[in-house]
Amino acid sequence: MRNEASRRIFDYWTDLRGNRAAPLRTEIDPAALRHLLPHLFIATIDTDGRPVFRLAGTRICDLFAREFRGAAFAEAWLEDDRRSPIGIVHDVIRHEQPALLDVGISDGDVRHDYEMLLLPVRSAEEAGSDRVLGALLPHDAPYPATRIPAAGLSLENWSFLEGHGAPFGASLTGDRHGVAEMLRRLLPARFFPESKAS
């Protein structure tokens, strides 16, 4: 991982899961990642078997000049690059194995290097993972000047991440409240429809 923020997110997820394959969604406390929320997303699998964004941070939405909540995960990718990322999300959930993707973001003229974390999360202890906690961050800071909207993501390389513990530095800690309740308090109102979100 090249971005320190990616390491912090991975460390936090690793601390939460302990000796398990993946943590519970109710254990995730957005307050512990509050400075990184604009770069985070949650994706689940819909009834048609497609990965879809449950929510996406403001930085991700701003980068593409659109709202991703409820949109297919494939819509963030260039059309020729969609098949592999969709398969990777399924593999992360099925095998409960975190993955790191090297991706490019094209604004039509210039390509910028980013990395995407995909971390499996469970809704119930006795069941397997059913969603991913994801992050999209540039390889280097400060953020590159990107013409808005970006055309889409392209996959350059990817790998599963191995190991337990917190190998990338100091871990983050926080109270473990329900993720939905905390996200409603911390994220902009536009993330949530007027009707109650599940």
C-alpha atoms as a PDB file:
ATOM      1  CA  MET A   1       0.000   0.000   0.000  1.00  0.00           C
ATOM      2  CA  ARG A   2       1.335   3.382  -0.943  1.00  0.00           C
ATOM      3  CA  ASN A   3      -1.153   5.642   0.812  1.00  0.00           C
ATOM      4  CA  GLU A   4      -0.832   5.887   4.594  1.00  0.00           C
ATOM      5  CA  ALA A   5      -4.600   6.292   4.881  1.00  0.00           C
ATOM      6  CA  SER A   6      -5.085   2.920   3.184  1.00  0.00           C
ATOM      7  CA  ARG A   7      -2.774   1.356   5.771  1.00  0.00           C
ATOM      8  CA  ARG A   8      -4.760   2.923   8.622  1.00  0.00           C
ATOM      9  CA  ILE A   9      -8.053   1.593   7.231  1.00  0.00           C
ATOM     10  CA  PHE A  10      -6.577  -1.884   6.795  1.00  0.00           C
ATOM     11  CA  ASP A  11      -5.115  -1.796  10.318  1.00  0.00           C
ATOM     12  CA  TYR A  12      -8.499  -0.798  11.752  1.00  0.00           C
ATOM     13  CA  TRP A  13     -10.282  -3.611   9.886  1.00  0.00           C
ATOM     14  CA  THR A  14      -7.585  -6.104  10.963  1.00  0.00           C
ATOM     15  CA  ASP A  15      -7.921  -5.082  14.621  1.00  0.00           C
ATOM     16  CA  LEU A  16     -11.699  -5.494  14.459  1.00  0.00           C
ATOM     17  CA  ARG A  17     -11.638  -8.975  12.967  1.00  0.00           C
ATOM     18  CA  GLY A  18      -9.092 -10.381  15.419  1.00  0.00           C
ATOM     19  CA  ASN A  19      -8.778 -14.112  14.724  1.00  0.00           C
ATOM     20  CA  ARG A  20     -11.920 -14.201  12.582  1.00  0.00           C
ATOM     21  CA  ALA A  21     -12.054 -14.019   8.807  1.00  0.00           C
ATOM     22  CA  ALA A  22     -13.983 -10.732   8.883  1.00  0.00           C
ATOM     23  CA  PRO A  23     -15.513  -8.311  11.405  1.00  0.00           C
ATOM     24  CA  LEU A  24     -19.221  -7.651  11.896  1.00  0.00           C
ATOM     25  CA  ARG A  25     -20.738  -4.546  10.321  1.00  0.00           C
ATOM     26  CA  THR A  26     -22.069  -3.537  13.752  1.00  0.00           C
ATOM     27  CA  GLU A  27     -18.482  -3.379  15.032  1.00  0.00           C
ATOM     28  CA  ILE A  28     -17.452  -0.727  12.525  1.00  0.00           C
ATOM     29  CA  ASP A  29     -17.395   2.710  14.141  1.00  0.00           C
ATOM     30  CA  PRO A  30     -17.209   5.477  11.515  1.00  0.00           C
ATOM     31  CA  ALA A  31     -16.043   7.861  14.243  1.00  0.00           C
ATOM     32  CA  ALA A  32     -12.744   5.950  14.278  1.00  0.00           C
ATOM     33  CA  LEU A  33     -12.352   6.696  10.555  1.00  0.00           C
ATOM     34  CA  ARG A  34     -14.092  10.079  10.504  1.00  0.00           C
ATOM     35  CA  HIS A  35     -11.308  11.873   8.610  1.00  0.00           C
ATOM     36  CA  LEU A  36     -11.380   9.187   5.936  1.00  0.00           C
ATOM     37  CA  LEU A  37     -15.151   8.836   5.466  1.00  0.00           C
ATOM     38  CA  PRO A  38     -15.191  10.839   2.196  1.00  0.00           C
ATOM     39  CA  HIS A  39     -12.990   8.147   0.624  1.00  0.00           C
ATOM     40  CA  LEU A  40     -14.914   5.094   1.892  1.00  0.00           C
ATOM     41  CA  PHE A  41     -17.731   3.074   0.396  1.00  0.00           C
ATOM     42  CA  ILE A  42     -19.787   0.014   1.249  1.00  0.00           C
ATOM     43  CA  ALA A  43     -20.875  -2.429  -1.452  1.00  0.00           C
ATOM     44  CA  THR A  44     -23.290  -5.339  -1.163  1.00  0.00           C
ATOM     45  CA  ILE A  45     -24.613  -7.964  -3.578  1.00  0.00           C
ATOM     46  CA  ASP A  46     -28.132  -7.325  -4.890  1.00  0.00           C
ATOM     47  CA  THR A  47     -30.784  -9.933  -5.684  1.00  0.00           C
ATOM     48  CA  ASP A  48     -29.415 -10.250  -9.235  1.00  0.00           C
ATOM     49  CA  GLY A  49     -25.954 -11.072  -7.911  1.00  0.00           C
ATOM     50  CA  ARG A  50     -24.462  -7.686  -8.852  1.00  0.00           C
ATOM     51  CA  PRO A  51     -22.234  -5.671  -6.495  1.00  0.00           C
ATOM     52  CA  VAL A  52     -23.945  -2.354  -5.746  1.00  0.00           C
ATOM     53  CA  PHE A  53     -22.931   0.670  -3.704  1.00  0.00           C
ATOM     54  CA  ARG A  54     -24.771   0.802  -0.402  1.00  0.00           C
ATOM     55  CA  LEU A  55     -23.173   4.192   0.108  1.00  0.00           C
ATOM     56  CA  ALA A  56     -20.153   6.118  -1.162  1.00  0.00           C
ATOM     57  CA  GLY A  57     -18.184   8.959   0.411  1.00  0.00           C
ATOM     58  CA  THR A  58     -18.357  12.524  -0.824  1.00  0.00           C
ATOM     59  CA  ARG A  59     -14.862  12.505  -2.341  1.00  0.00           C
ATOM     60  CA  ILE A  60     -15.760   9.508  -4.515  1.00  0.00           C
ATOM     61  CA  CYS A  61     -19.049  11.045  -5.612  1.00  0.00           C
ATOM     62  CA  ASP A  62     -17.411  14.415  -6.287  1.00  0.00           C
ATOM     63  CA  LEU A  63     -14.692  12.773  -8.364  1.00  0.00           C
ATOM     64  CA  PHE A  64     -17.325  11.383 -10.739  1.00  0.00           C
ATOM     65  CA  ALA A  65     -19.806  14.251 -10.267  1.00  0.00           C
ATOM     66  CA  ARG A  66     -22.595  11.822  -9.386  1.00  0.00           C
ATOM     67  CA  GLU A  67     -24.228  10.003  -6.500  1.00  0.00           C
ATOM     68  CA  PHE A  68     -23.276   6.329  -6.265  1.00  0.00           C
ATOM     69  CA  ARG A  69     -25.671   5.195  -3.534  1.00  0.00           C
ATOM     70  CA  GLY A  70     -27.718   2.353  -5.028  1.00  0.00           C
ATOM     71  CA  ALA A  71     -25.688   2.304  -8.258  1.00  0.00           C
ATOM     72  CA  ALA A  72     -24.015  -0.788  -9.647  1.00  0.00           C
ATOM     73  CA  PHE A  73     -20.340  -1.122  -8.708  1.00  0.00           C
ATOM     74  CA  ALA A  74     -19.621  -1.598 -12.414  1.00  0.00           C
ATOM     75  CA  GLU A  75     -20.699   1.983 -13.136  1.00  0.00           C
ATOM     76  CA  ALA A  76     -17.523   3.352 -11.519  1.00  0.00           C
ATOM     77  CA  TRP A  77     -15.365   1.510 -14.068  1.00  0.00           C
ATOM     78  CA  LEU A  78     -14.608   2.083 -17.722  1.00  0.00           C
ATOM     79  CA  GLU A  79     -16.754  -0.234 -19.795  1.00  0.00           C
ATOM     80  CA  ASP A  80     -13.849  -2.416 -20.952  1.00  0.00           C
ATOM     81  CA  ASP A  81     -12.609  -2.864 -17.357  1.00  0.00           C
ATOM     82  CA  ARG A  82     -15.777  -3.899 -15.534  1.00  0.00           C
ATOM     83  CA  ARG A  83     -15.691  -7.684 -15.578  1.00  0.00           C
ATOM     84  CA  SER A  84     -12.569  -8.282 -13.457  1.00  0.00           C
ATOM     85  CA  PRO A  85     -13.431  -5.828 -10.620  1.00  0.00           C
ATOM     86  CA  ILE A  86     -16.890  -7.363 -10.307  1.00  0.00           C
ATOM     87  CA  GLY A  87     -15.296 -10.805 -10.016  1.00  0.00           C
ATOM     88  CA  ILE A  88     -12.825  -9.528  -7.418  1.00  0.00           C
ATOM     89  CA  VAL A  89     -15.643  -8.184  -5.219  1.00  0.00           C
ATOM     90  CA  HIS A  90     -17.348 -11.583  -5.385  1.00  0.00           C
ATOM     91  CA  ASP A  91     -14.068 -13.332  -4.491  1.00  0.00           C
ATOM     92  CA  VAL A  92     -13.405 -10.993  -1.547  1.00  0.00           C
ATOM     93  CA  ILE A  93     -16.860 -11.769  -0.153  1.00  0.00           C
ATOM     94  CA  ARG A  94     -16.866 -15.496  -0.974  1.00  0.00           C
ATOM     95  CA  HIS A  95     -13.359 -16.216   0.341  1.00  0.00           C
ATOM     96  CA  GLU A  96     -13.437 -13.519   3.050  1.00  0.00           C
ATOM     97  CA  GLN A  97     -10.056 -12.301   1.899  1.00  0.00           C
ATOM     98  CA  PRO A  98      -9.151  -8.585   1.657  1.00  0.00           C
ATOM     99  CA  ALA A  99      -7.802  -7.288  -1.637  1.00  0.00           C
ATOM    100  CA  LEU A 100      -5.809  -4.313  -2.869  1.00  0.00           C
ATOM    101  CA  LEU A 101      -6.367  -3.028  -6.397  1.00  0.00           C
ATOM    102  CA  ASP A 102      -4.093  -0.679  -8.318  1.00  0.00           C
ATOM    103  CA  VAL A 103      -6.374   1.410 -10.481  1.00  0.00           C
ATOM    104  CA  GLY A 104      -6.120   4.300 -12.865  1.00  0.00           C
ATOM    105  CA  ILE A 105      -8.569   7.174 -13.002  1.00  0.00           C
ATOM    106  CA  SER A 106      -8.931   8.798 -16.381  1.00  0.00           C
ATOM    107  CA  ASP A 107     -10.312  12.288 -16.838  1.00  0.00           C
ATOM    108  CA  GLY A 108     -10.228  11.910 -20.614  1.00  0.00           C
ATOM    109  CA  ASP A 109      -6.724  13.301 -21.120  1.00  0.00           C
ATOM    110  CA  VAL A 110      -4.636  12.323 -18.089  1.00  0.00           C
ATOM    111  CA  ARG A 111      -4.519   9.121 -16.037  1.00  0.00           C
ATOM    112  CA  HIS A 112      -3.942   9.265 -12.267  1.00  0.00           C
ATOM    113  CA  ASP A 113      -2.792   6.352 -10.057  1.00  0.00           C
ATOM    114  CA  TYR A 114      -5.108   5.298  -7.217  1.00  0.00           C
ATOM    115  CA  GLU A 115      -5.499   2.270  -4.984  1.00  0.00           C
ATOM    116  CA  MET A 116      -8.696   0.578  -3.871  1.00  0.00           C
ATOM    117  CA  LEU A 117      -9.105  -1.510  -0.730  1.00  0.00           C
ATOM    118  CA  LEU A 118     -11.835  -4.157  -0.575  1.00  0.00           C
ATOM    119  CA  LEU A 119     -12.386  -5.565   2.929  1.00  0.00           C
ATOM    120  CA  PRO A 120     -14.989  -8.285   3.664  1.00  0.00           C
ATOM    121  CA  VAL A 121     -17.579  -7.618   6.359  1.00  0.00           C
ATOM    122  CA  ARG A 122     -20.251  -9.868   7.907  1.00  0.00           C
ATOM    123  CA  SER A 123     -23.812  -8.972   8.872  1.00  0.00           C
ATOM    124  CA  ALA A 124     -24.049 -11.929  11.272  1.00  0.00           C
ATOM    125  CA  GLU A 125     -21.408 -13.856  13.202  1.00  0.00           C
ATOM    126  CA  GLU A 126     -22.664 -17.261  12.104  1.00  0.00           C
ATOM    127  CA  ALA A 127     -22.826 -16.325   8.411  1.00  0.00           C
ATOM    128  CA  GLY A 128     -20.156 -15.531   5.856  1.00  0.00           C
ATOM    129  CA  SER A 129     -19.381 -12.058   4.601  1.00  0.00           C
ATOM    130  CA  ASP A 130     -22.068 -10.344   2.560  1.00  0.00           C
ATOM    131  CA  ARG A 131     -20.527  -6.921   1.849  1.00  0.00           C
ATOM    132  CA  VAL A 132     -17.265  -5.068   1.480  1.00  0.00           C
ATOM    133  CA  LEU A 133     -15.925  -1.969   3.161  1.00  0.00           C
ATOM    134  CA  GLY A 134     -13.949  -0.201   0.456  1.00  0.00           C
ATOM    135  CA  ALA A 135     -11.661   2.793   0.090  1.00  0.00           C
ATOM    136  CA  LEU A 136     -10.453   4.715  -2.953  1.00  0.00           C
ATOM    137  CA  LEU A 137      -7.313   6.797  -2.420  1.00  0.00           C
ATOM    138  CA  PRO A 138      -4.547   8.192  -4.644  1.00  0.00           C
ATOM    139  CA  HIS A 139      -1.093   6.625  -4.548  1.00  0.00           C
ATOM    140  CA  ASP A 140       0.430   9.935  -3.589  1.00  0.00           C
ATOM    141  CA  ALA A 141      -0.650  13.057  -1.746  1.00  0.00           C
ATOM    142  CA  PRO A 142      -1.691  15.747  -2.345  1.00  0.00           C
ATOM    143  CA  TYR A 143      -4.634  14.724  -4.439  1.00  0.00           C
ATOM    144  CA  PRO A 144      -3.981  15.044  -8.166  1.00  0.00           C
ATOM    145  CA  ALA A 145      -5.811  17.747 -10.060  1.00  0.00           C
ATOM    146  CA  THR A 146      -8.438  15.779 -11.958  1.00  0.00           C
ATOM    147  CA  ARG A 147     -10.877  17.205 -14.422  1.00  0.00           C
ATOM    148  CA  ILE A 148     -14.400  16.531 -13.183  1.00  0.00           C
ATOM    149  CA  PRO A 149     -16.103  14.261 -13.884  1.00  0.00           C
ATOM    150  CA  ALA A 150     -13.592  11.459 -14.187  1.00  0.00           C
ATOM    151  CA  ALA A 151     -14.377   9.081 -17.030  1.00  0.00           C
ATOM    152  CA  GLY A 152     -14.004   5.952 -14.887  1.00  0.00           C
ATOM    153  CA  LEU A 153     -11.642   3.503 -13.235  1.00  0.00           C
ATOM    154  CA  SER A 154      -9.329   1.079 -15.004  1.00  0.00           C
ATOM    155  CA  LEU A 155      -7.790  -1.964 -13.315  1.00  0.00           C
ATOM    156  CA  GLU A 156      -3.990  -2.178 -13.512  1.00  0.00           C
ATOM    157  CA  ASN A 157      -3.166  -4.908 -11.001  1.00  0.00           C
ATOM    158  CA  TRP A 158      -4.535  -6.494  -7.844  1.00  0.00           C
ATOM    159  CA  SER A 159      -3.718  -8.985  -5.103  1.00  0.00           C
ATOM    160  CA  PHE A 160      -5.218 -10.535  -2.000  1.00  0.00           C
ATOM    161  CA  LEU A 161      -3.771  -9.228   1.265  1.00  0.00           C
ATOM    162  CA  GLU A 162      -2.423 -11.786   3.704  1.00  0.00           C
ATOM    163  CA  GLY A 163      -1.666 -11.854   7.402  1.00  0.00           C
ATOM    164  CA  HIS A 164      -3.238 -11.036  10.755  1.00  0.00           C
ATOM    165  CA  GLY A 165      -2.518  -8.307  13.236  1.00  0.00           C
ATOM    166  CA  ALA A 166      -1.726  -4.706  12.306  1.00  0.00           C
ATOM    167  CA  PRO A 167       1.390  -4.864  10.154  1.00  0.00           C
ATOM    168  CA  PHE A 168       1.215  -1.361   8.722  1.00  0.00           C
ATOM    169  CA  GLY A 169       1.607   0.811  11.813  1.00  0.00           C
ATOM    170  CA  ALA A 170      -0.496   2.182  14.636  1.00  0.00           C
ATOM    171  CA  SER A 171      -4.023   0.874  14.639  1.00  0.00           C
ATOM    172  CA  LEU A 172      -7.169   2.923  15.119  1.00  0.00           C
ATOM    173  CA  THR A 173      -9.624   2.243  17.903  1.00  0.00           C
ATOM    174  CA  GLY A 174     -13.094   3.470  18.684  1.00  0.00           C
ATOM    175  CA  ASP A 175     -16.399   2.599  20.214  1.00  0.00           C
ATOM    176  CA  ARG A 176     -18.187  -0.157  18.329  1.00  0.00           C
ATOM    177  CA  HIS A 177     -21.665   1.171  17.567  1.00  0.00           C
ATOM    178  CA  GLY A 178     -24.088   0.183  14.830  1.00  0.00           C
ATOM    179  CA  VAL A 179     -22.719   1.341  11.493  1.00  0.00           C
ATOM    180  CA  ALA A 180     -26.044   2.663  10.182  1.00  0.00           C
ATOM    181  CA  GLU A 181     -26.668   4.858  13.237  1.00  0.00           C
ATOM    182  CA  MET A 182     -23.153   6.297  13.195  1.00  0.00           C
ATOM    183  CA  LEU A 183     -23.144   6.941   9.448  1.00  0.00           C
ATOM    184  CA  ARG A 184     -26.391   8.882   9.711  1.00  0.00           C
ATOM    185  CA  ARG A 185     -24.765  11.148  12.291  1.00  0.00           C
ATOM    186  CA  LEU A 186     -21.486  11.632  10.455  1.00  0.00           C
ATOM    187  CA  LEU A 187     -22.253  11.653   6.750  1.00  0.00           C
ATOM    188  CA  PRO A 188     -24.040  14.422   4.814  1.00  0.00           C
ATOM    189  CA  ALA A 189     -27.817  14.090   4.647  1.00  0.00           C
ATOM    190  CA  ARG A 190     -27.693  13.459   0.904  1.00  0.00           C
ATOM    191  CA  PHE A 191     -26.425   9.926   1.596  1.00  0.00           C
ATOM    192  CA  PHE A 192     -29.797   8.936   3.022  1.00  0.00           C
ATOM    193  CA  PRO A 193     -33.211   9.030   1.336  1.00  0.00           C
ATOM    194  CA  GLU A 194     -36.122  10.679   3.138  1.00  0.00           C
ATOM    195  CA  SER A 195     -37.521   7.267   3.953  1.00  0.00           C
ATOM    196  CA  LYS A 196     -35.646   5.285   6.590  1.00  0.00           C
ATOM    197  CA  ALA A 197     -32.613   3.433   5.221  1.00  0.00           C
ATOM    198  CA  SER A 198     -32.207  -0.211   6.138  1.00  0.00           C
END
